Amino acid sequence: MNTLIVATLVAGLLNPETVTCHLWKRLEINGTKNCIYRGPNRTVYTHYPTHNWSECVKTFQCPYSNMKDKKPTVHEMLEGLRNGF
């Protein structure tokens, strides 16, 4: 029984569930470009393009993160990005 639980957890970590995310916003903070994507159930994903904004595709499959309990506000997201650098 324990082996089954461990196998399920490892499979979930190796193959995370993905959802279709759409480009929400492009930001430049302290000279670093950020492409912010949103998906279902408040899934948020950030991509850091290396050369130019054309690396920010309109849609792609991003890792699913279920945030039903708490909605991050735009202000919280921007503060998190600013504090990270």
N, C-alpha and C. Protein backbone atom coordinates (compact mmCIF):
# COMPACT_ATOMS: atom_id res chain seq x y z
N MET A 1 0.83 -1.20 0.00
CA MET A 1 0.00 0.00 0.00
C MET A 1 0.87 1.26 0.00
N ASN A 2 1.92 1.27 0.85
CA ASN A 2 2.81 2.43 0.90
C ASN A 2 3.54 2.63 -0.43
N THR A 3 3.87 1.53 -1.10
CA THR A 3 4.55 1.62 -2.38
C THR A 3 3.65 2.30 -3.41
N LEU A 4 2.37 2.01 -3.37
CA LEU A 4 1.42 2.63 -4.29
C LEU A 4 1.34 4.14 -4.06
N ILE A 5 1.31 4.55 -2.81
CA ILE A 5 1.24 5.98 -2.49
C ILE A 5 2.50 6.69 -2.96
N VAL A 6 3.66 6.09 -2.69
CA VAL A 6 4.92 6.70 -3.11
C VAL A 6 4.99 6.77 -4.63
N ALA A 7 4.57 5.73 -5.32
CA ALA A 7 4.60 5.72 -6.78
C ALA A 7 3.69 6.80 -7.35
N THR A 8 2.54 7.00 -6.75
CA THR A 8 1.61 8.04 -7.20
C THR A 8 2.21 9.43 -7.01
N LEU A 9 2.85 9.66 -5.86
CA LEU A 9 3.46 10.96 -5.61
C LEU A 9 4.61 11.24 -6.57
N VAL A 10 5.44 10.25 -6.82
CA VAL A 10 6.57 10.42 -7.73
C VAL A 10 6.07 10.68 -9.15
N ALA A 11 5.04 9.96 -9.57
CA ALA A 11 4.49 10.17 -10.92
C ALA A 11 3.93 11.58 -11.06
N GLY A 12 3.30 12.09 -10.01
CA GLY A 12 2.78 13.45 -10.05
C GLY A 12 3.87 14.49 -10.13
N LEU A 13 5.00 14.24 -9.48
CA LEU A 13 6.11 15.19 -9.52
C LEU A 13 6.85 15.13 -10.85
N LEU A 14 6.99 13.95 -11.41
CA LEU A 14 7.70 13.81 -12.68
C LEU A 14 6.88 14.27 -13.86
N ASN A 15 5.58 14.08 -13.81
CA ASN A 15 4.68 14.47 -14.89
C ASN A 15 3.59 15.38 -14.33
N PRO A 16 3.91 16.65 -14.05
CA PRO A 16 2.89 17.52 -13.47
C PRO A 16 1.77 17.80 -14.47
N GLU A 17 0.60 18.01 -13.95
CA GLU A 17 -0.55 18.33 -14.79
C GLU A 17 -0.34 19.70 -15.42
N THR A 18 -0.63 19.82 -16.69
CA THR A 18 -0.47 21.10 -17.39
C THR A 18 -1.82 21.59 -17.90
N VAL A 19 -1.91 22.89 -18.05
CA VAL A 19 -3.11 23.53 -18.57
C VAL A 19 -2.68 24.57 -19.61
N THR A 20 -3.61 25.02 -20.40
CA THR A 20 -3.31 26.06 -21.39
C THR A 20 -3.33 27.42 -20.71
N CYS A 21 -2.21 28.12 -20.77
CA CYS A 21 -2.09 29.45 -20.19
C CYS A 21 -2.00 30.48 -21.31
N HIS A 22 -2.55 31.65 -21.06
CA HIS A 22 -2.57 32.73 -22.04
C HIS A 22 -1.76 33.91 -21.52
N LEU A 23 -1.08 34.58 -22.44
CA LEU A 23 -0.29 35.76 -22.07
C LEU A 23 -1.20 36.81 -21.47
N TRP A 24 -0.86 37.27 -20.28
CA TRP A 24 -1.67 38.25 -19.59
C TRP A 24 -0.99 39.62 -19.60
N LYS A 25 0.31 39.65 -19.29
CA LYS A 25 0.98 40.92 -19.18
C LYS A 25 2.47 40.77 -19.47
N ARG A 26 3.05 41.82 -20.02
CA ARG A 26 4.51 41.90 -20.21
C ARG A 26 5.01 43.04 -19.34
N LEU A 27 5.98 42.74 -18.49
CA LEU A 27 6.54 43.74 -17.59
C LEU A 27 8.04 43.77 -17.71
N GLU A 28 8.63 44.94 -17.50
CA GLU A 28 10.07 45.04 -17.40
C GLU A 28 10.38 45.66 -16.04
N ILE A 29 11.04 44.87 -15.18
CA ILE A 29 11.36 45.31 -13.83
C ILE A 29 12.87 45.24 -13.65
N ASN A 30 13.46 46.37 -13.33
CA ASN A 30 14.92 46.46 -13.14
C ASN A 30 15.68 45.90 -14.34
N GLY A 31 15.21 46.17 -15.53
CA GLY A 31 15.88 45.72 -16.74
C GLY A 31 15.63 44.27 -17.10
N THR A 32 14.85 43.55 -16.31
CA THR A 32 14.54 42.15 -16.59
C THR A 32 13.13 42.04 -17.16
N LYS A 33 13.01 41.40 -18.31
CA LYS A 33 11.71 41.22 -18.95
C LYS A 33 10.97 40.07 -18.29
N ASN A 34 9.66 40.24 -18.06
CA ASN A 34 8.80 39.21 -17.47
C ASN A 34 7.54 39.06 -18.31
N CYS A 35 7.23 37.84 -18.69
CA CYS A 35 5.97 37.54 -19.36
C CYS A 35 5.11 36.79 -18.35
N ILE A 36 3.98 37.34 -18.00
CA ILE A 36 3.11 36.71 -17.01
C ILE A 36 1.93 36.08 -17.73
N TYR A 37 1.69 34.82 -17.42
CA TYR A 37 0.63 34.04 -18.03
C TYR A 37 -0.40 33.65 -16.98
N ARG A 38 -1.66 33.54 -17.42
CA ARG A 38 -2.74 33.09 -16.53
C ARG A 38 -3.46 31.92 -17.18
N GLY A 39 -3.92 31.03 -16.31
CA GLY A 39 -4.66 29.86 -16.76
C GLY A 39 -5.87 29.64 -15.87
N PRO A 40 -6.52 28.47 -15.99
CA PRO A 40 -7.71 28.18 -15.20
C PRO A 40 -7.40 28.08 -13.71
N ASN A 41 -8.42 28.38 -12.89
CA ASN A 41 -8.32 28.33 -11.42
C ASN A 41 -7.15 29.15 -10.90
N ARG A 42 -6.96 30.31 -11.49
CA ARG A 42 -5.94 31.26 -11.08
C ARG A 42 -4.52 30.73 -11.17
N THR A 43 -4.27 29.86 -12.14
CA THR A 43 -2.91 29.41 -12.39
C THR A 43 -2.12 30.58 -12.94
N VAL A 44 -0.97 30.85 -12.35
CA VAL A 44 -0.11 31.96 -12.79
C VAL A 44 1.28 31.39 -13.06
N TYR A 45 1.88 31.82 -14.16
CA TYR A 45 3.21 31.35 -14.52
C TYR A 45 3.99 32.53 -15.09
N THR A 46 5.28 32.62 -14.75
CA THR A 46 6.12 33.70 -15.24
C THR A 46 7.24 33.14 -16.09
N HIS A 47 7.44 33.73 -17.26
CA HIS A 47 8.54 33.36 -18.15
C HIS A 47 9.46 34.56 -18.28
N TYR A 48 10.76 34.30 -18.27
CA TYR A 48 11.76 35.36 -18.38
C TYR A 48 12.46 35.26 -19.74
N PRO A 49 12.03 36.05 -20.74
CA PRO A 49 12.66 35.97 -22.06
C PRO A 49 14.11 36.46 -21.99
N THR A 50 14.97 35.85 -22.79
CA THR A 50 16.39 36.21 -22.74
C THR A 50 16.76 37.33 -23.70
N HIS A 51 16.08 37.43 -24.84
CA HIS A 51 16.49 38.43 -25.84
C HIS A 51 15.44 39.53 -26.05
N ASN A 52 14.24 39.14 -26.46
CA ASN A 52 13.24 40.16 -26.75
C ASN A 52 11.84 39.64 -26.44
N TRP A 53 10.86 40.53 -26.60
CA TRP A 53 9.48 40.21 -26.24
C TRP A 53 8.87 39.14 -27.15
N SER A 54 9.45 38.90 -28.31
CA SER A 54 8.86 37.91 -29.22
C SER A 54 8.94 36.49 -28.64
N GLU A 55 9.73 36.29 -27.58
CA GLU A 55 9.78 35.00 -26.91
C GLU A 55 8.55 34.73 -26.06
N CYS A 56 7.72 35.74 -25.86
CA CYS A 56 6.48 35.57 -25.09
C CYS A 56 5.38 35.13 -26.05
N VAL A 57 5.16 33.83 -26.14
CA VAL A 57 4.12 33.31 -27.03
C VAL A 57 2.75 33.60 -26.43
N LYS A 58 1.71 33.58 -27.26
CA LYS A 58 0.37 33.92 -26.79
C LYS A 58 -0.21 32.84 -25.87
N THR A 59 -0.01 31.57 -26.21
CA THR A 59 -0.51 30.48 -25.37
C THR A 59 0.52 29.35 -25.34
N PHE A 60 0.54 28.61 -24.24
CA PHE A 60 1.36 27.41 -24.13
C PHE A 60 0.89 26.58 -22.94
N GLN A 61 1.40 25.39 -22.81
CA GLN A 61 1.03 24.50 -21.72
C GLN A 61 1.94 24.79 -20.52
N CYS A 62 1.36 25.28 -19.43
CA CYS A 62 2.13 25.60 -18.24
C CYS A 62 1.72 24.67 -17.10
N PRO A 63 2.56 24.52 -16.08
CA PRO A 63 2.22 23.67 -14.94
C PRO A 63 1.01 24.21 -14.21
N TYR A 64 0.11 23.32 -13.85
CA TYR A 64 -1.13 23.70 -13.16
C TYR A 64 -0.83 23.96 -11.69
N SER A 65 -1.31 25.09 -11.19
CA SER A 65 -1.22 25.38 -9.76
C SER A 65 -2.60 25.86 -9.31
N ASN A 66 -3.25 25.06 -8.49
CA ASN A 66 -4.60 25.36 -8.05
C ASN A 66 -4.55 26.36 -6.91
N MET A 67 -5.04 27.55 -7.15
CA MET A 67 -5.04 28.59 -6.13
C MET A 67 -6.47 29.01 -5.81
N LYS A 68 -7.34 28.04 -5.57
CA LYS A 68 -8.73 28.36 -5.29
C LYS A 68 -8.90 29.10 -3.96
N ASP A 69 -8.02 28.81 -2.99
CA ASP A 69 -8.19 29.38 -1.66
C ASP A 69 -7.90 30.88 -1.60
N LYS A 70 -6.89 31.33 -2.30
CA LYS A 70 -6.50 32.73 -2.21
C LYS A 70 -6.24 33.32 -3.59
N LYS A 71 -6.83 34.46 -3.85
CA LYS A 71 -6.60 35.16 -5.11
C LYS A 71 -5.44 36.13 -4.93
N PRO A 72 -4.37 35.99 -5.73
CA PRO A 72 -3.34 37.03 -5.66
C PRO A 72 -3.82 38.26 -6.43
N THR A 73 -3.65 39.40 -5.83
CA THR A 73 -4.02 40.63 -6.52
C THR A 73 -2.88 41.04 -7.44
N VAL A 74 -3.16 41.94 -8.35
CA VAL A 74 -2.13 42.43 -9.25
C VAL A 74 -1.02 43.11 -8.44
N HIS A 75 -1.42 43.85 -7.42
CA HIS A 75 -0.44 44.52 -6.56
C HIS A 75 0.48 43.50 -5.87
N GLU A 76 -0.07 42.40 -5.36
CA GLU A 76 0.73 41.36 -4.72
C GLU A 76 1.70 40.71 -5.71
N MET A 77 1.24 40.48 -6.93
CA MET A 77 2.11 39.89 -7.96
C MET A 77 3.27 40.84 -8.29
N LEU A 78 2.97 42.10 -8.47
CA LEU A 78 4.02 43.07 -8.80
C LEU A 78 5.00 43.23 -7.64
N GLU A 79 4.50 43.26 -6.42
CA GLU A 79 5.38 43.35 -5.25
C GLU A 79 6.27 42.11 -5.15
N GLY A 80 5.71 40.95 -5.42
CA GLY A 80 6.50 39.72 -5.40
C GLY A 80 7.60 39.74 -6.43
N LEU A 81 7.29 40.24 -7.63
CA LEU A 81 8.31 40.33 -8.67
C LEU A 81 9.39 41.35 -8.29
N ARG A 82 8.97 42.48 -7.73
CA ARG A 82 9.96 43.50 -7.35
C ARG A 82 10.86 43.01 -6.22
N ASN A 83 10.28 42.33 -5.25
CA ASN A 83 11.06 41.85 -4.10
C ASN A 83 11.97 40.69 -4.47
N GLY A 84 11.68 40.03 -5.56
CA GLY A 84 12.50 38.89 -5.97
C GLY A 84 13.82 39.29 -6.59
N PHE A 85 13.98 40.56 -6.96
CA PHE A 85 15.21 40.97 -7.64
C PHE A 85 16.05 41.83 -6.75
